[in-house]
Amino acid sequence: MRYSRRFEIAGLIDSTLAGKDAGEVLDGSRRNIPIYGTLEEALKEHPDAKWLIIGVATPGGFLPESYRKIVIKAIKSGLGIVNGLHHFLSDDFYLKRLAKKHGVEIIDVRKIFYNMRIPFTGKIEEVKAVKVAVLGTDAAIGKRTTAIMLHEAFKNLGLKSEFIAMGQTGWMQGFRYCIVMDSIINDFVAGAIEDVFYRAWVEERPDVIVTHGEGSLLHPAFPGGFELIGAARPDFIVLQHAPGRKTFDDFPQYVIPPLENYIQLIELLSGKRPVAITINTENLTKEEALEAAREIEKRTGIMTRVPFYEGVEDIAREIVLLSMKRRITVQGEVPENEPSVL
């Protein structure tokens, strides 16, 4: 909804929210993307639509039977399918034949990266851009969105920034540099991370590279972030937290550990404290979110912001200034090509 570059989003199908605007439901910003109750309603208003995007992550990555019926209707209506699930629809004999019959394509996003076999080499050390990673205290907590906001903030400061997506949604959004970490065999995840950073550096020579973690460091079912810390070796880590969320995503029997646990863990794994904490506003009013941010900042001594209400420009500036200080400490002088914003 927010950052679609690959596709122009004509509408959203959600029977529970039909009649509303997707942007207003998402964050209060109208985007003229209507929500329809059924595929038929959507096609009635958009007969020239080309794709049906399966934009959800289901438990286990399987296609629910109720979705399958909609996919079949979509193909028969001449729509191609963009699928981000682990379940490869292009391997489904019936769907494959049906798509061929109606002259449409099935794109399994995770399949694109499924056979990636790139070993880690250490060439990440040749990447001289400032590397920033957004990790989270839970899965599905807004890490990618905050990372994109930081990417845009760096550009607004006059820096050349590149964004690297780590999941299927980033590919759907159209970012040039992207891998789908959880579709790659574990032995090659580190190499794939290193390679996409290296390519972004060699091809673009950015000042900053921003990325995001998948899952969460302590999530029992979706552990993630370790690979990013180890392989990308980020210079700065931003920690996304949802004070209004008490249990792990999809697993209400597991309580999210205290924020301080994550801060300590990141420091142990990376050798650095988080440069900032960002607040997801789930289950919080604006006033509650801002109050939580101030309390966390006071308690931890770490800059804390609510991106939707305060933006992330303060965090971007802090990273630029800290990066500058580190370069002065190491090199003894300011590099000649230092961005003018500094």
C-alpha atoms as a PDB file:
ATOM      1  CA  MET A   1       0.000   0.000   0.000  1.00  0.00           C
ATOM      2  CA  ARG A   2       2.738   2.468   0.931  1.00  0.00           C
ATOM      3  CA  TYR A   3       5.671   1.752  -1.328  1.00  0.00           C
ATOM      4  CA  SER A   4       4.549  -0.106  -4.441  1.00  0.00           C
ATOM      5  CA  ARG A   5       6.945   0.491  -7.334  1.00  0.00           C
ATOM      6  CA  ARG A   6       6.529  -2.747  -9.277  1.00  0.00           C
ATOM      7  CA  PHE A   7       2.716  -2.705  -9.373  1.00  0.00           C
ATOM      8  CA  GLU A   8       0.050  -0.019  -9.333  1.00  0.00           C
ATOM      9  CA  ILE A   9      -2.360  -1.170  -6.651  1.00  0.00           C
ATOM     10  CA  ALA A  10      -5.951  -0.775  -7.886  1.00  0.00           C
ATOM     11  CA  GLY A  11      -7.687  -2.225  -4.854  1.00  0.00           C
ATOM     12  CA  LEU A  12      -7.579  -4.552  -1.883  1.00  0.00           C
ATOM     13  CA  ILE A  13      -9.826  -7.566  -1.245  1.00  0.00           C
ATOM     14  CA  ASP A  14     -10.843  -7.957   2.400  1.00  0.00           C
ATOM     15  CA  SER A  15     -14.368  -8.982   3.264  1.00  0.00           C
ATOM     16  CA  THR A  16     -14.008  -7.651   6.824  1.00  0.00           C
ATOM     17  CA  LEU A  17     -13.165  -4.096   5.724  1.00  0.00           C
ATOM     18  CA  ALA A  18     -15.146  -3.716   2.494  1.00  0.00           C
ATOM     19  CA  GLY A  19     -16.139  -0.163   1.590  1.00  0.00           C
ATOM     20  CA  LYS A  20     -13.200   1.531   3.295  1.00  0.00           C
ATOM     21  CA  ASP A  21      -9.989   2.996   1.876  1.00  0.00           C
ATOM     22  CA  ALA A  22      -6.874   0.871   2.395  1.00  0.00           C
ATOM     23  CA  GLY A  23      -4.713   3.825   3.383  1.00  0.00           C
ATOM     24  CA  GLU A  24      -7.172   5.056   5.981  1.00  0.00           C
ATOM     25  CA  VAL A  25      -7.302   1.607   7.553  1.00  0.00           C
ATOM     26  CA  LEU A  26      -3.527   1.264   7.411  1.00  0.00           C
ATOM     27  CA  ASP A  27      -2.406   4.526   8.947  1.00  0.00           C
ATOM     28  CA  GLY A  28      -5.078   7.165   8.432  1.00  0.00           C
ATOM     29  CA  SER A  29      -3.719   8.487   5.112  1.00  0.00           C
ATOM     30  CA  ARG A  30      -6.223   8.155   2.260  1.00  0.00           C
ATOM     31  CA  ARG A  31      -4.602   6.633  -0.833  1.00  0.00           C
ATOM     32  CA  ASN A  32      -7.634   6.109  -3.058  1.00  0.00           C
ATOM     33  CA  ILE A  33      -7.178   2.338  -2.885  1.00  0.00           C
ATOM     34  CA  PRO A  34     -10.670   0.957  -2.220  1.00  0.00           C
ATOM     35  CA  ILE A  35     -11.284  -2.240  -0.275  1.00  0.00           C
ATOM     36  CA  TYR A  36     -13.655  -4.724  -1.897  1.00  0.00           C
ATOM     37  CA  GLY A  37     -15.521  -7.605  -0.331  1.00  0.00           C
ATOM     38  CA  THR A  38     -14.938  -9.986  -3.240  1.00  0.00           C
ATOM     39  CA  LEU A  39     -12.807 -10.446  -6.341  1.00  0.00           C
ATOM     40  CA  GLU A  40     -15.906  -9.997  -8.493  1.00  0.00           C
ATOM     41  CA  GLU A  41     -16.571  -6.546  -6.991  1.00  0.00           C
ATOM     42  CA  ALA A  42     -12.969  -5.515  -7.609  1.00  0.00           C
ATOM     43  CA  LEU A  43     -12.989  -6.683 -11.237  1.00  0.00           C
ATOM     44  CA  LYS A  44     -16.288  -4.932 -11.893  1.00  0.00           C
ATOM     45  CA  GLU A  45     -14.585  -1.595 -11.203  1.00  0.00           C
ATOM     46  CA  HIS A  46     -11.186  -2.624 -12.598  1.00  0.00           C
ATOM     47  CA  PRO A  47     -11.804  -4.880 -15.611  1.00  0.00           C
ATOM     48  CA  ASP A  48      -8.326  -4.104 -16.980  1.00  0.00           C
ATOM     49  CA  ALA A  49      -6.478  -5.330 -13.890  1.00  0.00           C
ATOM     50  CA  LYS A  50      -3.550  -7.642 -14.726  1.00  0.00           C
ATOM     51  CA  TRP A  51      -2.545  -9.325 -11.455  1.00  0.00           C
ATOM     52  CA  LEU A  52      -3.892 -10.776  -8.245  1.00  0.00           C
ATOM     53  CA  ILE A  53      -1.265 -10.411  -5.512  1.00  0.00           C
ATOM     54  CA  ILE A  54      -1.409 -12.782  -2.548  1.00  0.00           C
ATOM     55  CA  GLY A  55      -0.131 -10.247  -0.044  1.00  0.00           C
ATOM     56  CA  VAL A  56      -0.400 -12.198   3.197  1.00  0.00           C
ATOM     57  CA  ALA A  57       1.814 -14.589   5.143  1.00  0.00           C
ATOM     58  CA  THR A  58      -0.206 -17.599   6.272  1.00  0.00           C
ATOM     59  CA  PRO A  59       0.885 -20.047   9.006  1.00  0.00           C
ATOM     60  CA  GLY A  60       3.292 -22.490   7.400  1.00  0.00           C
ATOM     61  CA  GLY A  61       3.138 -20.599   4.120  1.00  0.00           C
ATOM     62  CA  PHE A  62       0.351 -22.756   2.694  1.00  0.00           C
ATOM     63  CA  LEU A  63      -2.457 -21.524   0.458  1.00  0.00           C
ATOM     64  CA  PRO A  64      -5.782 -21.770   2.345  1.00  0.00           C
ATOM     65  CA  GLU A  65      -8.574 -23.537   0.454  1.00  0.00           C
ATOM     66  CA  SER A  66     -10.665 -20.358   0.559  1.00  0.00           C
ATOM     67  CA  TYR A  67      -7.819 -18.506  -1.185  1.00  0.00           C
ATOM     68  CA  ARG A  68      -7.420 -21.266  -3.765  1.00  0.00           C
ATOM     69  CA  LYS A  69     -10.990 -20.709  -4.911  1.00  0.00           C
ATOM     70  CA  ILE A  70     -10.263 -17.011  -5.415  1.00  0.00           C
ATOM     71  CA  VAL A  71      -7.029 -17.792  -7.273  1.00  0.00           C
ATOM     72  CA  ILE A  72      -8.935 -20.065  -9.650  1.00  0.00           C
ATOM     73  CA  LYS A  73     -11.526 -17.346 -10.285  1.00  0.00           C
ATOM     74  CA  ALA A  74      -8.737 -14.814 -10.867  1.00  0.00           C
ATOM     75  CA  ILE A  75      -6.966 -16.996 -13.439  1.00  0.00           C
ATOM     76  CA  LYS A  76     -10.234 -17.686 -15.253  1.00  0.00           C
ATOM     77  CA  SER A  77     -10.786 -13.907 -15.310  1.00  0.00           C
ATOM     78  CA  GLY A  78      -7.429 -13.376 -17.015  1.00  0.00           C
ATOM     79  CA  LEU A  79      -5.390 -12.306 -14.001  1.00  0.00           C
ATOM     80  CA  GLY A  80      -1.813 -13.410 -13.419  1.00  0.00           C
ATOM     81  CA  ILE A  81      -0.938 -14.496  -9.878  1.00  0.00           C
ATOM     82  CA  VAL A  82       1.842 -13.058  -7.725  1.00  0.00           C
ATOM     83  CA  ASN A  83       2.383 -15.422  -4.810  1.00  0.00           C
ATOM     84  CA  GLY A  84       4.666 -14.794  -1.846  1.00  0.00           C
ATOM     85  CA  LEU A  85       3.860 -17.989   0.050  1.00  0.00           C
ATOM     86  CA  HIS A  86       6.144 -20.981   0.563  1.00  0.00           C
ATOM     87  CA  HIS A  87       3.535 -23.035  -1.290  1.00  0.00           C
ATOM     88  CA  PHE A  88       4.571 -22.783  -4.960  1.00  0.00           C
ATOM     89  CA  LEU A  89       1.424 -22.398  -7.041  1.00  0.00           C
ATOM     90  CA  SER A  90       3.330 -22.841 -10.290  1.00  0.00           C
ATOM     91  CA  ASP A  91       3.977 -26.446  -9.190  1.00  0.00           C
ATOM     92  CA  ASP A  92       0.259 -27.105  -8.754  1.00  0.00           C
ATOM     93  CA  PHE A  93      -0.706 -29.187 -11.796  1.00  0.00           C
ATOM     94  CA  TYR A  94      -4.258 -27.879 -12.039  1.00  0.00           C
ATOM     95  CA  LEU A  95      -3.351 -24.212 -11.525  1.00  0.00           C
ATOM     96  CA  LYS A  96      -0.436 -24.521 -13.936  1.00  0.00           C
ATOM     97  CA  ARG A  97      -2.674 -25.947 -16.678  1.00  0.00           C
ATOM     98  CA  LEU A  98      -5.374 -23.381 -15.965  1.00  0.00           C
ATOM     99  CA  ALA A  99      -2.890 -20.499 -16.214  1.00  0.00           C
ATOM    100  CA  LYS A 100      -1.563 -21.821 -19.505  1.00  0.00           C
ATOM    101  CA  LYS A 101      -5.086 -22.187 -20.874  1.00  0.00           C
ATOM    102  CA  HIS A 102      -5.940 -18.572 -20.037  1.00  0.00           C
ATOM    103  CA  GLY A 103      -2.561 -17.165 -21.084  1.00  0.00           C
ATOM    104  CA  VAL A 104      -1.526 -15.779 -17.706  1.00  0.00           C
ATOM    105  CA  GLU A 105       1.579 -16.168 -15.547  1.00  0.00           C
ATOM    106  CA  ILE A 106       2.020 -17.472 -12.029  1.00  0.00           C
ATOM    107  CA  ILE A 107       4.955 -15.838 -10.227  1.00  0.00           C
ATOM    108  CA  ASP A 108       6.120 -17.596  -7.066  1.00  0.00           C
ATOM    109  CA  VAL A 109       8.359 -14.931  -5.538  1.00  0.00           C
ATOM    110  CA  ARG A 110      10.155 -17.265  -3.143  1.00  0.00           C
ATOM    111  CA  LYS A 111      10.901 -19.651  -6.006  1.00  0.00           C
ATOM    112  CA  ILE A 112      13.042 -16.967  -7.657  1.00  0.00           C
ATOM    113  CA  PHE A 113      15.562 -17.288  -4.810  1.00  0.00           C
ATOM    114  CA  TYR A 114      15.027 -20.933  -3.946  1.00  0.00           C
ATOM    115  CA  ASN A 115      18.144 -22.250  -5.683  1.00  0.00           C
ATOM    116  CA  MET A 116      20.484 -19.396  -4.754  1.00  0.00           C
ATOM    117  CA  ARG A 117      23.810 -20.985  -3.803  1.00  0.00           C
ATOM    118  CA  ILE A 118      26.291 -18.269  -2.856  1.00  0.00           C
ATOM    119  CA  PRO A 119      28.867 -18.958  -0.113  1.00  0.00           C
ATOM    120  CA  PHE A 120      30.063 -16.272   2.288  1.00  0.00           C
ATOM    121  CA  THR A 121      33.555 -15.013   1.347  1.00  0.00           C
ATOM    122  CA  GLY A 122      34.349 -12.001   3.530  1.00  0.00           C
ATOM    123  CA  LYS A 123      33.997  -9.488   0.687  1.00  0.00           C
ATOM    124  CA  ILE A 124      31.488  -7.620   2.874  1.00  0.00           C
ATOM    125  CA  GLU A 125      34.572  -5.841   4.258  1.00  0.00           C
ATOM    126  CA  GLU A 126      34.979  -4.128   0.880  1.00  0.00           C
ATOM    127  CA  VAL A 127      31.608  -2.404   1.310  1.00  0.00           C
ATOM    128  CA  LYS A 128      32.458   1.084   2.536  1.00  0.00           C
ATOM    129  CA  ALA A 129      28.936   2.475   2.756  1.00  0.00           C
ATOM    130  CA  VAL A 130      27.460   3.012   6.206  1.00  0.00           C
ATOM    131  CA  LYS A 131      25.282  -0.054   6.820  1.00  0.00           C
ATOM    132  CA  VAL A 132      22.076   0.334   8.843  1.00  0.00           C
ATOM    133  CA  ALA A 133      19.811  -2.554   9.875  1.00  0.00           C
ATOM    134  CA  VAL A 134      16.379  -2.416  11.512  1.00  0.00           C
ATOM    135  CA  LEU A 135      15.699  -5.419  13.762  1.00  0.00           C
ATOM    136  CA  GLY A 136      12.604  -6.094  15.850  1.00  0.00           C
ATOM    137  CA  THR A 137      11.459  -7.472  19.178  1.00  0.00           C
ATOM    138  CA  ASP A 138       8.862  -9.517  17.274  1.00  0.00           C
ATOM    139  CA  ALA A 139       7.940 -10.651  13.781  1.00  0.00           C
ATOM    140  CA  ALA A 140       5.472  -8.605  11.687  1.00  0.00           C
ATOM    141  CA  ILE A 141       6.277  -5.492  13.692  1.00  0.00           C
ATOM    142  CA  GLY A 142       7.047  -2.977  10.926  1.00  0.00           C
ATOM    143  CA  LYS A 143      10.804  -3.388  10.493  1.00  0.00           C
ATOM    144  CA  ARG A 144      10.717  -3.032   6.708  1.00  0.00           C
ATOM    145  CA  THR A 145       8.483   0.036   6.832  1.00  0.00           C
ATOM    146  CA  THR A 146      10.755   1.801   9.327  1.00  0.00           C
ATOM    147  CA  ALA A 147      13.803   0.824   7.252  1.00  0.00           C
ATOM    148  CA  ILE A 148      12.232   2.333   4.122  1.00  0.00           C
ATOM    149  CA  MET A 149      11.436   5.504   6.059  1.00  0.00           C
ATOM    150  CA  LEU A 150      15.082   5.712   7.144  1.00  0.00           C
ATOM    151  CA  HIS A 151      16.197   5.143   3.552  1.00  0.00           C
ATOM    152  CA  GLU A 152      14.028   8.075   2.442  1.00  0.00           C
ATOM    153  CA  ALA A 153      15.267  10.218   5.348  1.00  0.00           C
ATOM    154  CA  PHE A 154      18.888   9.702   4.325  1.00  0.00           C
ATOM    155  CA  LYS A 155      18.043  10.756   0.784  1.00  0.00           C
ATOM    156  CA  ASN A 156      16.305  13.860   2.107  1.00  0.00           C
ATOM    157  CA  LEU A 157      19.549  14.707   3.918  1.00  0.00           C
ATOM    158  CA  GLY A 158      21.342  14.725   0.577  1.00  0.00           C
ATOM    159  CA  LEU A 159      22.957  11.307   0.882  1.00  0.00           C
ATOM    160  CA  LYS A 160      22.906   8.538  -1.693  1.00  0.00           C
ATOM    161  CA  SER A 161      21.032   5.692  -0.028  1.00  0.00           C
ATOM    162  CA  GLU A 162      20.195   2.199  -1.227  1.00  0.00           C
ATOM    163  CA  PHE A 163      17.563  -0.038   0.331  1.00  0.00           C
ATOM    164  CA  ILE A 164      17.989  -3.814   0.462  1.00  0.00           C
ATOM    165  CA  ALA A 165      14.849  -5.880   0.987  1.00  0.00           C
ATOM    166  CA  MET A 166      15.141  -9.207   2.784  1.00  0.00           C
ATOM    167  CA  GLY A 167      11.732 -10.720   2.039  1.00  0.00           C
ATOM    168  CA  GLN A 168       9.111 -11.392  -0.602  1.00  0.00           C
ATOM    169  CA  THR A 169       7.174  -8.209   0.099  1.00  0.00           C
ATOM    170  CA  GLY A 170      10.233  -6.120  -0.785  1.00  0.00           C
ATOM    171  CA  TRP A 171      10.381  -7.883  -4.147  1.00  0.00           C
ATOM    172  CA  MET A 172       6.677  -7.188  -4.692  1.00  0.00           C
ATOM    173  CA  GLN A 173       7.293  -3.547  -3.831  1.00  0.00           C
ATOM    174  CA  GLY A 174       9.886  -3.399  -6.593  1.00  0.00           C
ATOM    175  CA  PHE A 175      13.189  -2.750  -4.831  1.00  0.00           C
ATOM    176  CA  ARG A 176      16.144  -3.483  -7.110  1.00  0.00           C
ATOM    177  CA  TYR A 177      18.293  -5.070  -4.419  1.00  0.00           C
ATOM    178  CA  CYS A 178      16.421  -7.891  -2.750  1.00  0.00           C
ATOM    179  CA  ILE A 179      16.705 -11.461  -1.541  1.00  0.00           C
ATOM    180  CA  VAL A 180      14.109 -13.649   0.142  1.00  0.00           C
ATOM    181  CA  MET A 181      16.064 -14.986   3.097  1.00  0.00           C
ATOM    182  CA  ASP A 182      13.640 -17.647   4.221  1.00  0.00           C
ATOM    183  CA  SER A 183      13.561 -19.319   0.811  1.00  0.00           C
ATOM    184  CA  ILE A 184      17.344 -19.881   0.726  1.00  0.00           C
ATOM    185  CA  ILE A 185      19.028 -22.984   2.165  1.00  0.00           C
ATOM    186  CA  ASN A 186      20.494 -22.035   5.541  1.00  0.00           C
ATOM    187  CA  ASP A 187      24.122 -22.707   4.519  1.00  0.00           C
ATOM    188  CA  PHE A 188      23.863 -20.003   1.842  1.00  0.00           C
ATOM    189  CA  VAL A 189      21.893 -17.308   3.669  1.00  0.00           C
ATOM    190  CA  ALA A 190      25.025 -15.496   4.864  1.00  0.00           C
ATOM    191  CA  GLY A 191      26.508 -15.571   1.369  1.00  0.00           C
ATOM    192  CA  ALA A 192      23.301 -14.259  -0.186  1.00  0.00           C
ATOM    193  CA  ILE A 193      23.197 -11.373   2.302  1.00  0.00           C
ATOM    194  CA  GLU A 194      26.834 -10.529   1.672  1.00  0.00           C
ATOM    195  CA  ASP A 195      26.393 -10.752  -2.088  1.00  0.00           C
ATOM    196  CA  VAL A 196      23.392  -8.414  -2.302  1.00  0.00           C
ATOM    197  CA  PHE A 197      25.197  -5.827  -0.140  1.00  0.00           C
ATOM    198  CA  TYR A 198      28.318  -6.160  -2.271  1.00  0.00           C
ATOM    199  CA  ARG A 199      26.366  -5.752  -5.512  1.00  0.00           C
ATOM    200  CA  ALA A 200      24.571  -2.678  -4.194  1.00  0.00           C
ATOM    201  CA  TRP A 201      27.923  -1.184  -3.199  1.00  0.00           C
ATOM    202  CA  VAL A 202      29.782  -1.959  -6.421  1.00  0.00           C
ATOM    203  CA  GLU A 203      26.967  -0.931  -8.738  1.00  0.00           C
ATOM    204  CA  GLU A 204      25.686   2.167  -6.918  1.00  0.00           C
ATOM    205  CA  ARG A 205      28.476   3.391  -4.598  1.00  0.00           C
ATOM    206  CA  PRO A 206      25.953   4.677  -2.030  1.00  0.00           C
ATOM    207  CA  ASP A 207      26.798   6.601   1.119  1.00  0.00           C
ATOM    208  CA  VAL A 208      24.335   4.503   3.117  1.00  0.00           C
ATOM    209  CA  ILE A 209      22.756   1.063   2.738  1.00  0.00           C
ATOM    210  CA  VAL A 210      19.616   0.374   4.776  1.00  0.00           C
ATOM    211  CA  THR A 211      18.057  -3.038   5.340  1.00  0.00           C
ATOM    212  CA  HIS A 212      15.780  -4.892   7.747  1.00  0.00           C
ATOM    213  CA  GLY A 213      15.727  -8.191   9.579  1.00  0.00           C
ATOM    214  CA  GLU A 214      13.247 -11.013   9.118  1.00  0.00           C
ATOM    215  CA  GLY A 215      11.441 -12.509  12.104  1.00  0.00           C
ATOM    216  CA  SER A 216      12.899 -11.645  15.490  1.00  0.00           C
ATOM    217  CA  LEU A 217      15.966 -12.547  17.536  1.00  0.00           C
ATOM    218  CA  LEU A 218      13.919 -14.330  20.218  1.00  0.00           C
ATOM    219  CA  HIS A 219      10.799 -15.455  18.350  1.00  0.00           C
ATOM    220  CA  PRO A 220      10.367 -19.219  18.920  1.00  0.00           C
ATOM    221  CA  ALA A 221       8.941 -19.934  15.450  1.00  0.00           C
ATOM    222  CA  PHE A 222      10.458 -17.147  13.331  1.00  0.00           C
ATOM    223  CA  PRO A 223      13.977 -16.570  14.686  1.00  0.00           C
ATOM    224  CA  GLY A 224      15.923 -14.063  12.617  1.00  0.00           C
ATOM    225  CA  GLY A 225      18.408 -11.238  12.685  1.00  0.00           C
ATOM    226  CA  PHE A 226      21.461 -13.291  13.645  1.00  0.00           C
ATOM    227  CA  GLU A 227      22.370 -13.827   9.986  1.00  0.00           C
ATOM    228  CA  LEU A 228      22.101 -10.131   9.227  1.00  0.00           C
ATOM    229  CA  ILE A 229      24.329  -9.160  12.142  1.00  0.00           C
ATOM    230  CA  GLY A 230      26.900 -11.794  11.215  1.00  0.00           C
ATOM    231  CA  ALA A 231      26.971 -11.471   7.422  1.00  0.00           C
ATOM    232  CA  ALA A 232      26.107  -7.817   6.739  1.00  0.00           C
ATOM    233  CA  ARG A 233      28.026  -6.569   9.787  1.00  0.00           C
ATOM    234  CA  PRO A 234      25.866  -3.436  10.175  1.00  0.00           C
ATOM    235  CA  ASP A 235      27.469  -0.287  11.519  1.00  0.00           C
ATOM    236  CA  PHE A 236      24.227   0.771  13.200  1.00  0.00           C
ATOM    237  CA  ILE A 237      21.201  -1.185  14.418  1.00  0.00           C
ATOM    238  CA  VAL A 238      17.763   0.315  15.016  1.00  0.00           C
ATOM    239  CA  LEU A 239      15.435  -1.753  17.212  1.00  0.00           C
ATOM    240  CA  GLN A 240      11.708  -1.746  16.434  1.00  0.00           C
ATOM    241  CA  HIS A 241       9.451  -2.407  19.425  1.00  0.00           C
ATOM    242  CA  ALA A 242       5.687  -2.586  20.057  1.00  0.00           C
ATOM    243  CA  PRO A 243       4.979  -1.694  23.708  1.00  0.00           C
ATOM    244  CA  GLY A 244       1.289  -2.490  23.183  1.00  0.00           C
ATOM    245  CA  ARG A 245       2.005  -6.042  22.041  1.00  0.00           C
ATOM    246  CA  LYS A 246       2.509  -8.507  24.867  1.00  0.00           C
ATOM    247  CA  THR A 247       2.897 -11.886  23.113  1.00  0.00           C
ATOM    248  CA  PHE A 248       4.754 -13.103  20.024  1.00  0.00           C
ATOM    249  CA  ASP A 249       3.108 -12.849  16.620  1.00  0.00           C
ATOM    250  CA  ASP A 250       0.921 -15.926  15.944  1.00  0.00           C
ATOM    251  CA  PHE A 251       1.947 -17.481  19.295  1.00  0.00           C
ATOM    252  CA  PRO A 252      -0.046 -15.924  22.156  1.00  0.00           C
ATOM    253  CA  GLN A 253       1.259 -18.564  24.584  1.00  0.00           C
ATOM    254  CA  TYR A 254       4.719 -16.962  24.465  1.00  0.00           C
ATOM    255  CA  VAL A 255       5.279 -13.622  26.189  1.00  0.00           C
ATOM    256  CA  ILE A 256       7.675 -11.197  24.493  1.00  0.00           C
ATOM    257  CA  PRO A 257      10.789 -10.781  26.697  1.00  0.00           C
ATOM    258  CA  PRO A 258      11.643  -7.365  28.155  1.00  0.00           C
ATOM    259  CA  LEU A 259      13.057  -4.755  25.789  1.00  0.00           C
ATOM    260  CA  GLU A 260      16.281  -4.689  27.795  1.00  0.00           C
ATOM    261  CA  ASN A 261      16.919  -8.337  26.861  1.00  0.00           C
ATOM    262  CA  TYR A 262      17.028  -7.386  23.193  1.00  0.00           C
ATOM    263  CA  ILE A 263      19.290  -4.422  23.809  1.00  0.00           C
ATOM    264  CA  GLN A 264      21.749  -6.635  25.675  1.00  0.00           C
ATOM    265  CA  LEU A 265      21.518  -9.368  23.065  1.00  0.00           C
ATOM    266  CA  ILE A 266      22.205  -6.977  20.191  1.00  0.00           C
ATOM    267  CA  GLU A 267      25.155  -5.553  22.086  1.00  0.00           C
ATOM    268  CA  LEU A 268      26.567  -9.042  22.705  1.00  0.00           C
ATOM    269  CA  LEU A 269      26.077 -10.173  19.102  1.00  0.00           C
ATOM    270  CA  SER A 270      27.238  -7.027  17.317  1.00  0.00           C
ATOM    271  CA  GLY A 271      29.413  -5.259  19.855  1.00  0.00           C
ATOM    272  CA  LYS A 272      27.148  -2.197  19.589  1.00  0.00           C
ATOM    273  CA  ARG A 273      24.117  -0.887  21.432  1.00  0.00           C
ATOM    274  CA  PRO A 274      21.148  -0.019  19.227  1.00  0.00           C
ATOM    275  CA  VAL A 275      21.549   3.517  17.915  1.00  0.00           C
ATOM    276  CA  ALA A 276      17.800   4.085  18.269  1.00  0.00           C
ATOM    277  CA  ILE A 277      14.527   2.432  19.217  1.00  0.00           C
ATOM    278  CA  THR A 278      11.426   2.890  17.072  1.00  0.00           C
ATOM    279  CA  ILE A 279       7.892   2.364  18.306  1.00  0.00           C
ATOM    280  CA  ASN A 280       5.141   0.426  16.562  1.00  0.00           C
ATOM    281  CA  THR A 281       1.817   1.959  17.628  1.00  0.00           C
ATOM    282  CA  GLU A 282      -0.260  -1.246  17.689  1.00  0.00           C
ATOM    283  CA  ASN A 283      -2.908  -1.164  20.458  1.00  0.00           C
ATOM    284  CA  LEU A 284      -1.787   2.341  21.476  1.00  0.00           C
ATOM    285  CA  THR A 285      -3.313   5.783  21.009  1.00  0.00           C
ATOM    286  CA  LYS A 286      -1.065   8.525  19.706  1.00  0.00           C
ATOM    287  CA  GLU A 287      -0.641   9.907  23.207  1.00  0.00           C
ATOM    288  CA  GLU A 288       0.175   6.476  24.646  1.00  0.00           C
ATOM    289  CA  ALA A 289       2.735   5.771  21.915  1.00  0.00           C
ATOM    290  CA  LEU A 290       4.517   9.086  22.426  1.00  0.00           C
ATOM    291  CA  GLU A 291       4.467   8.627  26.206  1.00  0.00           C
ATOM    292  CA  ALA A 292       5.918   5.126  25.826  1.00  0.00           C
ATOM    293  CA  ALA A 293       8.688   6.497  23.601  1.00  0.00           C
ATOM    294  CA  ARG A 294       9.678   9.143  26.136  1.00  0.00           C
ATOM    295  CA  GLU A 295       9.639   6.605  28.991  1.00  0.00           C
ATOM    296  CA  ILE A 296      11.781   4.112  27.032  1.00  0.00           C
ATOM    297  CA  GLU A 297      14.245   6.808  26.029  1.00  0.00           C
ATOM    298  CA  LYS A 298      14.592   7.931  29.642  1.00  0.00           C
ATOM    299  CA  ARG A 299      14.936   4.361  30.906  1.00  0.00           C
ATOM    300  CA  THR A 300      17.447   3.113  28.317  1.00  0.00           C
ATOM    301  CA  GLY A 301      19.294   6.271  27.345  1.00  0.00           C
ATOM    302  CA  ILE A 302      18.684   5.377  23.677  1.00  0.00           C
ATOM    303  CA  MET A 303      16.998   7.796  21.249  1.00  0.00           C
ATOM    304  CA  THR A 304      13.409   6.602  20.819  1.00  0.00           C
ATOM    305  CA  ARG A 305      10.942   7.799  18.206  1.00  0.00           C
ATOM    306  CA  VAL A 306       7.462   6.909  16.929  1.00  0.00           C
ATOM    307  CA  PRO A 307       7.968   6.885  13.140  1.00  0.00           C
ATOM    308  CA  PHE A 308       4.331   7.490  12.150  1.00  0.00           C
ATOM    309  CA  TYR A 309       4.031  10.537  14.390  1.00  0.00           C
ATOM    310  CA  GLU A 310       7.598  11.836  14.680  1.00  0.00           C
ATOM    311  CA  GLY A 311       9.308  10.556  11.557  1.00  0.00           C
ATOM    312  CA  VAL A 312      12.830   9.124  11.613  1.00  0.00           C
ATOM    313  CA  GLU A 313      14.818  12.164  10.507  1.00  0.00           C
ATOM    314  CA  ASP A 314      16.342  12.576  13.996  1.00  0.00           C
ATOM    315  CA  ILE A 315      17.613   9.001  13.815  1.00  0.00           C
ATOM    316  CA  ALA A 316      19.074   9.497  10.342  1.00  0.00           C
ATOM    317  CA  ARG A 317      20.896  12.645  11.470  1.00  0.00           C
ATOM    318  CA  GLU A 318      22.235  10.882  14.555  1.00  0.00           C
ATOM    319  CA  ILE A 319      23.594   8.047  12.407  1.00  0.00           C
ATOM    320  CA  VAL A 320      25.242  10.515  10.040  1.00  0.00           C
ATOM    321  CA  LEU A 321      26.879  12.401  12.911  1.00  0.00           C
ATOM    322  CA  LEU A 322      28.045   9.257  14.692  1.00  0.00           C
ATOM    323  CA  SER A 323      29.396   7.878  11.440  1.00  0.00           C
ATOM    324  CA  MET A 324      31.293  11.109  10.899  1.00  0.00           C
ATOM    325  CA  LYS A 325      32.803  10.961  14.389  1.00  0.00           C
ATOM    326  CA  ARG A 326      33.912   7.368  13.866  1.00  0.00           C
ATOM    327  CA  ARG A 327      35.608   8.230  10.598  1.00  0.00           C
ATOM    328  CA  ILE A 328      37.420  11.117  12.229  1.00  0.00           C
ATOM    329  CA  THR A 329      38.558   8.841  15.053  1.00  0.00           C
ATOM    330  CA  VAL A 330      39.818   6.159  12.680  1.00  0.00           C
ATOM    331  CA  GLN A 331      41.252   8.328   9.914  1.00  0.00           C
ATOM    332  CA  GLY A 332      42.325  11.370  11.891  1.00  0.00           C
ATOM    333  CA  GLU A 333      40.650  13.757   9.477  1.00  0.00           C
ATOM    334  CA  VAL A 334      37.398  14.314   7.610  1.00  0.00           C
ATOM    335  CA  PRO A 335      37.292  12.479   4.246  1.00  0.00           C
ATOM    336  CA  GLU A 336      37.389  14.857   1.278  1.00  0.00           C
ATOM    337  CA  ASN A 337      34.230  13.412  -0.263  1.00  0.00           C
ATOM    338  CA  GLU A 338      32.153  13.685   2.901  1.00  0.00           C
ATOM    339  CA  PRO A 339      28.526  14.637   2.018  1.00  0.00           C
ATOM    340  CA  SER A 340      27.780  18.361   2.293  1.00  0.00           C
ATOM    341  CA  VAL A 341      24.988  17.726   4.802  1.00  0.00           C
ATOM    342  CA  LEU A 342      27.661  16.952   7.394  1.00  0.00           C
END
